[in-house]
Amino acid sequence: MLEIKNLNKTFNPGTVNEKKALTDVSLKLEEGDFVTIIGGNGAGKSTMLNAIAGVWPIDSGSIFIDDVDITKLPEHKRAKYIGRVFQDPMMGTAADMGIDENLAIAARRGKHRTLRWSITHKEKEQYKELLKSLDLGLEDRLSAKVGLLSGGQRQAITLLMASLEKPKLLLLDEHTAALDPKTAAKVLTLSDKIIAENQLTAMMVTHNMKDAISHGNRLIMMHEGNIIYDVKGEEKKNLHVSDLLAKFEEVSGGEFANDRMMLN
């Protein structure tokens, strides 16, 4: 479903602020894979997701989704292949629009649009059923402005929007980092449910090692723009946080010292 080959990305090349963010990164995901991605600050996690999403061009390499070469496609043309949920609950939705209007925008993503704008009764009934599955009481608040919702409610709405048209690939970029622990756990459970029910291929960047182990069928660790560890199946299920710390030190040759991940 996803294949990236020899991705390279350097920010501010030729300056004192030059930063090699990705170095010959290659990765292949099968259909239905749910991969969690961990690593310290500046490891290249979000950079890799941004490269896949087309936020900016890569220096070299190639990206294929379902055997379609999207390497040179602009970000908006990748929208029909990719769904994405950001760390900031404010980024995935239009705050001044209603819940139903946000969902309608998501339903029309990547499709031909006209000047006519309307949400049919059938669509509203569909949205109510979807919202009911969240168990947040939002099915009776279709016209409520999304900006008035809590962070957790907004992330739940964003998850629905990102998966509404069953994208080829779902990108979750630290999508629970801005939430309190209880809300984060609920959003993660919802993420698991949506990915499983829609049989989506997904990538989730997280700073929480326990979450990285508990969710998905595959785990990738990154360091200094490289993938240094890739584990799946039963081996992943049997992992502990201490195993990840030991693996990092073994492969990188240094002690893991990311306060944010350690505190999580």
C-alpha atoms as a PDB file:
ATOM      1  CA  MET A   1       0.000   0.000   0.000  1.00  0.00           C
ATOM      2  CA  LEU A   2       2.931   2.335   0.666  1.00  0.00           C
ATOM      3  CA  GLU A   3       6.496   2.146  -0.582  1.00  0.00           C
ATOM      4  CA  ILE A   4       9.079   4.843  -0.048  1.00  0.00           C
ATOM      5  CA  LYS A   5      12.516   4.441  -1.575  1.00  0.00           C
ATOM      6  CA  ASN A   6      15.691   6.249  -0.560  1.00  0.00           C
ATOM      7  CA  LEU A   7      14.046   9.433   0.728  1.00  0.00           C
ATOM      8  CA  ASN A   8      16.431  12.304   1.390  1.00  0.00           C
ATOM      9  CA  LYS A   9      15.579  15.698   2.815  1.00  0.00           C
ATOM     10  CA  THR A  10      17.904  18.448   4.019  1.00  0.00           C
ATOM     11  CA  PHE A  11      16.617  21.723   5.456  1.00  0.00           C
ATOM     12  CA  ASN A  12      18.549  24.979   4.936  1.00  0.00           C
ATOM     13  CA  PRO A  13      21.244  23.338   2.761  1.00  0.00           C
ATOM     14  CA  GLY A  14      24.535  25.185   2.490  1.00  0.00           C
ATOM     15  CA  THR A  15      23.884  27.334   5.571  1.00  0.00           C
ATOM     16  CA  VAL A  16      24.981  27.186   9.196  1.00  0.00           C
ATOM     17  CA  ASN A  17      21.491  25.866   9.978  1.00  0.00           C
ATOM     18  CA  GLU A  18      21.759  22.914   7.595  1.00  0.00           C
ATOM     19  CA  LYS A  19      19.896  19.895   8.955  1.00  0.00           C
ATOM     20  CA  LYS A  20      19.883  16.459   7.348  1.00  0.00           C
ATOM     21  CA  ALA A  21      16.362  15.311   8.278  1.00  0.00           C
ATOM     22  CA  LEU A  22      16.068  12.102   6.218  1.00  0.00           C
ATOM     23  CA  THR A  23      18.903   9.936   4.883  1.00  0.00           C
ATOM     24  CA  ASP A  24      18.070   7.255   2.301  1.00  0.00           C
ATOM     25  CA  VAL A  25      14.931   6.207   4.181  1.00  0.00           C
ATOM     26  CA  SER A  26      13.162   3.210   2.631  1.00  0.00           C
ATOM     27  CA  LEU A  27      10.002   1.562   3.942  1.00  0.00           C
ATOM     28  CA  LYS A  28       7.279  -0.729   2.629  1.00  0.00           C
ATOM     29  CA  LEU A  29       3.833  -1.139   4.182  1.00  0.00           C
ATOM     30  CA  GLU A  30       1.425  -3.897   3.260  1.00  0.00           C
ATOM     31  CA  GLU A  31      -2.300  -3.224   3.017  1.00  0.00           C
ATOM     32  CA  GLY A  32      -3.794  -3.141   6.524  1.00  0.00           C
ATOM     33  CA  ASP A  33      -0.504  -2.461   8.322  1.00  0.00           C
ATOM     34  CA  PHE A  34      -0.804  -0.165  11.347  1.00  0.00           C
ATOM     35  CA  VAL A  35       2.694   1.132  12.098  1.00  0.00           C
ATOM     36  CA  THR A  36       3.665   3.125  15.176  1.00  0.00           C
ATOM     37  CA  ILE A  37       6.747   5.360  14.859  1.00  0.00           C
ATOM     38  CA  ILE A  38       8.911   6.472  17.772  1.00  0.00           C
ATOM     39  CA  GLY A  39      12.201   8.300  18.202  1.00  0.00           C
ATOM     40  CA  GLY A  40      13.747  11.307  19.904  1.00  0.00           C
ATOM     41  CA  ASN A  41      13.280  14.941  18.888  1.00  0.00           C
ATOM     42  CA  GLY A  42      14.670  15.535  15.407  1.00  0.00           C
ATOM     43  CA  ALA A  43      14.713  11.808  14.576  1.00  0.00           C
ATOM     44  CA  GLY A  44      12.782  12.369  11.339  1.00  0.00           C
ATOM     45  CA  LYS A  45       9.356  11.013  12.346  1.00  0.00           C
ATOM     46  CA  SER A  46       7.171  13.956  11.377  1.00  0.00           C
ATOM     47  CA  THR A  47       9.518  14.811   8.519  1.00  0.00           C
ATOM     48  CA  MET A  48       8.806  11.405   6.979  1.00  0.00           C
ATOM     49  CA  LEU A  49       5.034  11.908   7.359  1.00  0.00           C
ATOM     50  CA  ASN A  50       5.280  15.386   5.832  1.00  0.00           C
ATOM     51  CA  ALA A  51       7.249  13.959   2.912  1.00  0.00           C
ATOM     52  CA  ILE A  52       4.539  11.355   2.306  1.00  0.00           C
ATOM     53  CA  ALA A  53       1.783  13.968   2.604  1.00  0.00           C
ATOM     54  CA  GLY A  54       3.583  16.329   0.200  1.00  0.00           C
ATOM     55  CA  VAL A  55       3.960  19.261   2.579  1.00  0.00           C
ATOM     56  CA  TRP A  56       7.206  20.096   0.769  1.00  0.00           C
ATOM     57  CA  PRO A  57       9.244  18.409  -1.991  1.00  0.00           C
ATOM     58  CA  ILE A  58      11.880  15.842  -1.089  1.00  0.00           C
ATOM     59  CA  ASP A  59      15.461  16.199  -2.336  1.00  0.00           C
ATOM     60  CA  SER A  60      15.538  12.716  -3.841  1.00  0.00           C
ATOM     61  CA  GLY A  61      13.795   9.370  -3.646  1.00  0.00           C
ATOM     62  CA  SER A  62      10.318   8.145  -4.572  1.00  0.00           C
ATOM     63  CA  ILE A  63       6.934   7.572  -2.921  1.00  0.00           C
ATOM     64  CA  PHE A  64       4.298   5.112  -4.119  1.00  0.00           C
ATOM     65  CA  ILE A  65       0.803   4.617  -2.720  1.00  0.00           C
ATOM     66  CA  ASP A  66      -1.037   1.537  -4.016  1.00  0.00           C
ATOM     67  CA  ASP A  67       1.482   1.373  -6.904  1.00  0.00           C
ATOM     68  CA  VAL A  68       0.771   4.994  -7.907  1.00  0.00           C
ATOM     69  CA  ASP A  69       3.839   7.246  -8.039  1.00  0.00           C
ATOM     70  CA  ILE A  70       2.890  10.351  -6.028  1.00  0.00           C
ATOM     71  CA  THR A  71       6.449  11.677  -5.616  1.00  0.00           C
ATOM     72  CA  LYS A  72       5.839  14.829  -7.675  1.00  0.00           C
ATOM     73  CA  LEU A  73       2.168  15.346  -6.887  1.00  0.00           C
ATOM     74  CA  PRO A  74       1.347  18.532  -4.915  1.00  0.00           C
ATOM     75  CA  GLU A  75      -0.197  18.168  -1.474  1.00  0.00           C
ATOM     76  CA  HIS A  76      -3.789  18.862  -2.561  1.00  0.00           C
ATOM     77  CA  LYS A  77      -3.647  16.165  -5.252  1.00  0.00           C
ATOM     78  CA  ARG A  78      -2.531  13.578  -2.676  1.00  0.00           C
ATOM     79  CA  ALA A  79      -5.698  14.283  -0.677  1.00  0.00           C
ATOM     80  CA  LYS A  80      -7.646  11.517  -2.419  1.00  0.00           C
ATOM     81  CA  TYR A  81      -5.053   8.980  -1.234  1.00  0.00           C
ATOM     82  CA  ILE A  82      -4.230  10.272   2.253  1.00  0.00           C
ATOM     83  CA  GLY A  83      -6.130  11.132   5.428  1.00  0.00           C
ATOM     84  CA  ARG A  84      -4.304  12.976   8.191  1.00  0.00           C
ATOM     85  CA  VAL A  85      -4.817  13.931  11.839  1.00  0.00           C
ATOM     86  CA  PHE A  86      -2.466  16.529  13.318  1.00  0.00           C
ATOM     87  CA  GLN A  87      -1.133  17.089  16.834  1.00  0.00           C
ATOM     88  CA  ASP A  88      -3.042  20.364  17.203  1.00  0.00           C
ATOM     89  CA  PRO A  89      -6.824  19.711  17.398  1.00  0.00           C
ATOM     90  CA  MET A  90      -7.339  23.124  15.758  1.00  0.00           C
ATOM     91  CA  MET A  91      -5.580  22.146  12.507  1.00  0.00           C
ATOM     92  CA  GLY A  92      -7.816  19.376  11.199  1.00  0.00           C
ATOM     93  CA  THR A  93     -11.123  21.238  11.197  1.00  0.00           C
ATOM     94  CA  ALA A  94     -12.733  24.571  10.224  1.00  0.00           C
ATOM     95  CA  ALA A  95     -13.518  26.146  13.605  1.00  0.00           C
ATOM     96  CA  ASP A  96     -16.215  28.571  12.384  1.00  0.00           C
ATOM     97  CA  MET A  97     -18.193  25.879  10.566  1.00  0.00           C
ATOM     98  CA  GLY A  98     -20.641  23.327  11.963  1.00  0.00           C
ATOM     99  CA  ILE A  99     -19.859  19.666  12.578  1.00  0.00           C
ATOM    100  CA  ASP A 100     -22.017  18.671   9.595  1.00  0.00           C
ATOM    101  CA  GLU A 101     -20.256  21.209   7.338  1.00  0.00           C
ATOM    102  CA  ASN A 102     -16.829  19.904   8.354  1.00  0.00           C
ATOM    103  CA  LEU A 103     -17.877  16.328   7.629  1.00  0.00           C
ATOM    104  CA  ALA A 104     -19.325  17.411   4.272  1.00  0.00           C
ATOM    105  CA  ILE A 105     -15.996  19.002   3.326  1.00  0.00           C
ATOM    106  CA  ALA A 106     -14.245  15.738   4.174  1.00  0.00           C
ATOM    107  CA  ALA A 107     -16.769  13.728   2.149  1.00  0.00           C
ATOM    108  CA  ARG A 108     -16.022  15.884  -0.903  1.00  0.00           C
ATOM    109  CA  ARG A 109     -12.220  15.736  -0.555  1.00  0.00           C
ATOM    110  CA  GLY A 110     -10.505  14.867  -3.825  1.00  0.00           C
ATOM    111  CA  LYS A 111     -13.778  15.039  -5.776  1.00  0.00           C
ATOM    112  CA  HIS A 112     -14.952  17.448  -8.455  1.00  0.00           C
ATOM    113  CA  ARG A 113     -16.794  20.373  -6.880  1.00  0.00           C
ATOM    114  CA  THR A 114     -19.279  22.931  -8.177  1.00  0.00           C
ATOM    115  CA  LEU A 115     -20.398  26.335  -6.891  1.00  0.00           C
ATOM    116  CA  ARG A 116     -23.481  24.686  -5.410  1.00  0.00           C
ATOM    117  CA  TRP A 117     -23.174  23.955  -1.682  1.00  0.00           C
ATOM    118  CA  SER A 118     -25.715  21.895   0.180  1.00  0.00           C
ATOM    119  CA  ILE A 119     -25.853  19.015   2.637  1.00  0.00           C
ATOM    120  CA  THR A 120     -28.621  16.569   1.845  1.00  0.00           C
ATOM    121  CA  HIS A 121     -30.952  15.004   4.395  1.00  0.00           C
ATOM    122  CA  LYS A 122     -29.403  11.623   3.568  1.00  0.00           C
ATOM    123  CA  GLU A 123     -25.921  12.970   4.355  1.00  0.00           C
ATOM    124  CA  LYS A 124     -27.077  14.408   7.675  1.00  0.00           C
ATOM    125  CA  GLU A 125     -28.543  11.065   8.701  1.00  0.00           C
ATOM    126  CA  GLN A 126     -25.261   9.378   7.740  1.00  0.00           C
ATOM    127  CA  TYR A 127     -23.281  11.885   9.817  1.00  0.00           C
ATOM    128  CA  LYS A 128     -25.573  11.320  12.813  1.00  0.00           C
ATOM    129  CA  GLU A 129     -24.879   7.581  12.700  1.00  0.00           C
ATOM    130  CA  LEU A 130     -21.143   8.177  12.430  1.00  0.00           C
ATOM    131  CA  LEU A 131     -21.175  10.609  15.344  1.00  0.00           C
ATOM    132  CA  LYS A 132     -23.251   8.212  17.432  1.00  0.00           C
ATOM    133  CA  SER A 133     -20.426   5.668  17.143  1.00  0.00           C
ATOM    134  CA  LEU A 134     -18.121   8.130  18.939  1.00  0.00           C
ATOM    135  CA  ASP A 135     -20.286   7.988  22.070  1.00  0.00           C
ATOM    136  CA  LEU A 136     -19.653  11.670  22.762  1.00  0.00           C
ATOM    137  CA  GLY A 137     -23.223  12.961  22.365  1.00  0.00           C
ATOM    138  CA  LEU A 138     -22.328  14.889  19.216  1.00  0.00           C
ATOM    139  CA  GLU A 139     -25.013  13.288  17.025  1.00  0.00           C
ATOM    140  CA  ASP A 140     -27.542  15.804  18.386  1.00  0.00           C
ATOM    141  CA  ARG A 141     -25.236  18.778  17.791  1.00  0.00           C
ATOM    142  CA  LEU A 142     -24.745  18.626  14.021  1.00  0.00           C
ATOM    143  CA  SER A 143     -24.914  22.388  13.561  1.00  0.00           C
ATOM    144  CA  ALA A 144     -22.651  23.217  16.538  1.00  0.00           C
ATOM    145  CA  LYS A 145     -19.540  25.186  15.644  1.00  0.00           C
ATOM    146  CA  VAL A 146     -16.507  22.903  15.847  1.00  0.00           C
ATOM    147  CA  GLY A 147     -14.471  25.671  17.488  1.00  0.00           C
ATOM    148  CA  LEU A 148     -16.690  25.388  20.575  1.00  0.00           C
ATOM    149  CA  LEU A 149     -15.883  21.703  21.107  1.00  0.00           C
ATOM    150  CA  SER A 150     -13.226  20.335  23.462  1.00  0.00           C
ATOM    151  CA  GLY A 151      -9.845  19.201  22.132  1.00  0.00           C
ATOM    152  CA  GLY A 152     -10.798  15.544  22.437  1.00  0.00           C
ATOM    153  CA  GLN A 153     -14.107  16.080  20.638  1.00  0.00           C
ATOM    154  CA  ARG A 154     -12.328  17.930  17.848  1.00  0.00           C
ATOM    155  CA  GLN A 155      -9.768  15.154  17.429  1.00  0.00           C
ATOM    156  CA  ALA A 156     -12.609  12.627  17.292  1.00  0.00           C
ATOM    157  CA  ILE A 157     -14.285  14.695  14.558  1.00  0.00           C
ATOM    158  CA  THR A 158     -10.956  14.983  12.714  1.00  0.00           C
ATOM    159  CA  LEU A 159     -10.543  11.189  12.852  1.00  0.00           C
ATOM    160  CA  LEU A 160     -13.974  10.787  11.279  1.00  0.00           C
ATOM    161  CA  MET A 161     -13.120  13.368   8.619  1.00  0.00           C
ATOM    162  CA  ALA A 162      -9.779  11.739   7.816  1.00  0.00           C
ATOM    163  CA  SER A 163     -11.325   8.278   7.421  1.00  0.00           C
ATOM    164  CA  LEU A 164     -14.715   9.189   5.936  1.00  0.00           C
ATOM    165  CA  GLU A 165     -13.715   8.350   2.361  1.00  0.00           C
ATOM    166  CA  LYS A 166     -11.500   5.418   3.392  1.00  0.00           C
ATOM    167  CA  PRO A 167      -8.093   6.789   2.353  1.00  0.00           C
ATOM    168  CA  LYS A 168      -5.378   4.492   1.083  1.00  0.00           C
ATOM    169  CA  LEU A 169      -3.216   5.724   3.964  1.00  0.00           C
ATOM    170  CA  LEU A 170      -4.071   7.340   7.304  1.00  0.00           C
ATOM    171  CA  LEU A 171      -1.373   9.488   8.942  1.00  0.00           C
ATOM    172  CA  LEU A 172      -1.651  10.189  12.685  1.00  0.00           C
ATOM    173  CA  ASP A 173       0.988  12.741  13.667  1.00  0.00           C
ATOM    174  CA  GLU A 174       1.153  12.759  17.500  1.00  0.00           C
ATOM    175  CA  HIS A 175      -2.621  13.221  17.417  1.00  0.00           C
ATOM    176  CA  THR A 176      -3.043  12.701  21.185  1.00  0.00           C
ATOM    177  CA  ALA A 177      -0.053  14.750  22.385  1.00  0.00           C
ATOM    178  CA  ALA A 178      -2.128  17.863  23.148  1.00  0.00           C
ATOM    179  CA  LEU A 179      -4.793  15.951  25.101  1.00  0.00           C
ATOM    180  CA  ASP A 180      -5.026  15.000  28.769  1.00  0.00           C
ATOM    181  CA  PRO A 181      -4.263  11.294  29.503  1.00  0.00           C
ATOM    182  CA  LYS A 182      -7.915  10.210  29.859  1.00  0.00           C
ATOM    183  CA  THR A 183      -9.007  11.919  26.639  1.00  0.00           C
ATOM    184  CA  ALA A 184      -5.894  10.692  24.826  1.00  0.00           C
ATOM    185  CA  ALA A 185      -6.720   7.096  25.770  1.00  0.00           C
ATOM    186  CA  LYS A 186     -10.266   7.513  24.433  1.00  0.00           C
ATOM    187  CA  VAL A 187      -9.024   8.986  21.134  1.00  0.00           C
ATOM    188  CA  LEU A 188      -6.511   6.133  20.767  1.00  0.00           C
ATOM    189  CA  THR A 189      -9.256   3.562  21.341  1.00  0.00           C
ATOM    190  CA  LEU A 190     -11.361   5.344  18.722  1.00  0.00           C
ATOM    191  CA  SER A 191      -8.379   5.348  16.343  1.00  0.00           C
ATOM    192  CA  ASP A 192      -7.992   1.576  16.740  1.00  0.00           C
ATOM    193  CA  LYS A 193     -11.697   1.091  16.073  1.00  0.00           C
ATOM    194  CA  ILE A 194     -11.785   3.254  12.937  1.00  0.00           C
ATOM    195  CA  ILE A 195      -8.628   1.670  11.503  1.00  0.00           C
ATOM    196  CA  ALA A 196      -9.896  -1.866  12.162  1.00  0.00           C
ATOM    197  CA  GLU A 197     -13.460  -1.330  10.933  1.00  0.00           C
ATOM    198  CA  ASN A 198     -12.343   0.377   7.722  1.00  0.00           C
ATOM    199  CA  GLN A 199      -9.311  -1.929   7.250  1.00  0.00           C
ATOM    200  CA  LEU A 200      -7.065   1.095   6.803  1.00  0.00           C
ATOM    201  CA  THR A 201      -3.306   1.207   6.376  1.00  0.00           C
ATOM    202  CA  ALA A 202      -2.026   3.644   9.011  1.00  0.00           C
ATOM    203  CA  MET A 203       1.107   5.286  10.408  1.00  0.00           C
ATOM    204  CA  MET A 204       1.094   6.813  13.897  1.00  0.00           C
ATOM    205  CA  VAL A 205       3.883   8.993  15.271  1.00  0.00           C
ATOM    206  CA  THR A 206       3.946   8.998  19.067  1.00  0.00           C
ATOM    207  CA  HIS A 207       6.263  10.007  21.915  1.00  0.00           C
ATOM    208  CA  ASN A 208       4.633   7.494  24.231  1.00  0.00           C
ATOM    209  CA  MET A 209       6.561   4.211  24.167  1.00  0.00           C
ATOM    210  CA  LYS A 210       3.760   2.263  25.865  1.00  0.00           C
ATOM    211  CA  ASP A 211       1.273   3.448  23.237  1.00  0.00           C
ATOM    212  CA  ALA A 212       3.729   2.544  20.479  1.00  0.00           C
ATOM    213  CA  ILE A 213       3.900  -1.012  21.843  1.00  0.00           C
ATOM    214  CA  SER A 214       0.172  -1.366  22.610  1.00  0.00           C
ATOM    215  CA  HIS A 215      -1.181  -0.155  19.273  1.00  0.00           C
ATOM    216  CA  GLY A 216      -0.672  -1.397  15.743  1.00  0.00           C
ATOM    217  CA  ASN A 217       0.971  -4.533  14.356  1.00  0.00           C
ATOM    218  CA  ARG A 218       4.381  -3.009  13.628  1.00  0.00           C
ATOM    219  CA  LEU A 219       6.783  -0.591  15.332  1.00  0.00           C
ATOM    220  CA  ILE A 220       9.519   1.526  13.803  1.00  0.00           C
ATOM    221  CA  MET A 221      12.186   3.471  15.682  1.00  0.00           C
ATOM    222  CA  MET A 222      13.955   6.402  14.011  1.00  0.00           C
ATOM    223  CA  HIS A 223      17.170   8.201  14.896  1.00  0.00           C
ATOM    224  CA  GLU A 224      18.940  11.045  13.075  1.00  0.00           C
ATOM    225  CA  GLY A 225      16.920  10.605   9.893  1.00  0.00           C
ATOM    226  CA  ASN A 226      17.243   6.830   9.710  1.00  0.00           C
ATOM    227  CA  ILE A 227      15.075   3.831  10.582  1.00  0.00           C
ATOM    228  CA  ILE A 228      17.167   1.946  13.147  1.00  0.00           C
ATOM    229  CA  TYR A 229      14.649  -0.668  14.330  1.00  0.00           C
ATOM    230  CA  ASP A 230      11.659  -2.361  12.684  1.00  0.00           C
ATOM    231  CA  VAL A 231       9.662  -5.007  14.553  1.00  0.00           C
ATOM    232  CA  LYS A 232       6.231  -6.602  14.036  1.00  0.00           C
ATOM    233  CA  GLY A 233       3.926  -9.488  14.930  1.00  0.00           C
ATOM    234  CA  GLU A 234       4.536 -11.542  18.065  1.00  0.00           C
ATOM    235  CA  GLU A 235       7.940  -9.962  18.634  1.00  0.00           C
ATOM    236  CA  LYS A 236       6.293  -6.547  18.889  1.00  0.00           C
ATOM    237  CA  LYS A 237       3.548  -7.821  21.216  1.00  0.00           C
ATOM    238  CA  ASN A 238       6.174  -9.096  23.661  1.00  0.00           C
ATOM    239  CA  LEU A 239       8.123  -5.816  23.790  1.00  0.00           C
ATOM    240  CA  HIS A 240       8.579  -3.720  26.923  1.00  0.00           C
ATOM    241  CA  VAL A 241       9.728  -0.103  27.224  1.00  0.00           C
ATOM    242  CA  SER A 242      13.053  -1.357  28.615  1.00  0.00           C
ATOM    243  CA  ASP A 243      13.531  -3.387  25.420  1.00  0.00           C
ATOM    244  CA  LEU A 244      13.083  -0.265  23.291  1.00  0.00           C
ATOM    245  CA  LEU A 245      15.559   1.719  25.388  1.00  0.00           C
ATOM    246  CA  ALA A 246      18.107  -1.100  25.146  1.00  0.00           C
ATOM    247  CA  LYS A 247      17.596  -1.408  21.388  1.00  0.00           C
ATOM    248  CA  PHE A 248      18.074   2.320  20.930  1.00  0.00           C
ATOM    249  CA  GLU A 249      21.346   2.291  22.849  1.00  0.00           C
ATOM    250  CA  GLU A 250      22.533  -0.797  20.968  1.00  0.00           C
ATOM    251  CA  VAL A 251      21.813   0.556  17.481  1.00  0.00           C
ATOM    252  CA  SER A 252      22.587   4.240  18.018  1.00  0.00           C
ATOM    253  CA  GLY A 253      25.589   3.783  20.272  1.00  0.00           C
ATOM    254  CA  GLY A 254      24.260   6.282  22.795  1.00  0.00           C
ATOM    255  CA  GLU A 255      21.923   6.593  25.738  1.00  0.00           C
ATOM    256  CA  PHE A 256      18.325   7.551  25.056  1.00  0.00           C
ATOM    257  CA  ALA A 257      17.847  11.006  26.558  1.00  0.00           C
ATOM    258  CA  ASN A 258      14.507  12.387  25.387  1.00  0.00           C
ATOM    259  CA  ASP A 259      12.787  13.778  28.476  1.00  0.00           C
ATOM    260  CA  ARG A 260       9.380  13.948  26.817  1.00  0.00           C
ATOM    261  CA  MET A 261       9.356  10.273  25.899  1.00  0.00           C
ATOM    262  CA  MET A 262      10.804   9.194  29.235  1.00  0.00           C
ATOM    263  CA  LEU A 263       8.138  11.139  31.162  1.00  0.00           C
ATOM    264  CA  ASN A 264       5.404   9.590  29.030  1.00  0.00           C
END
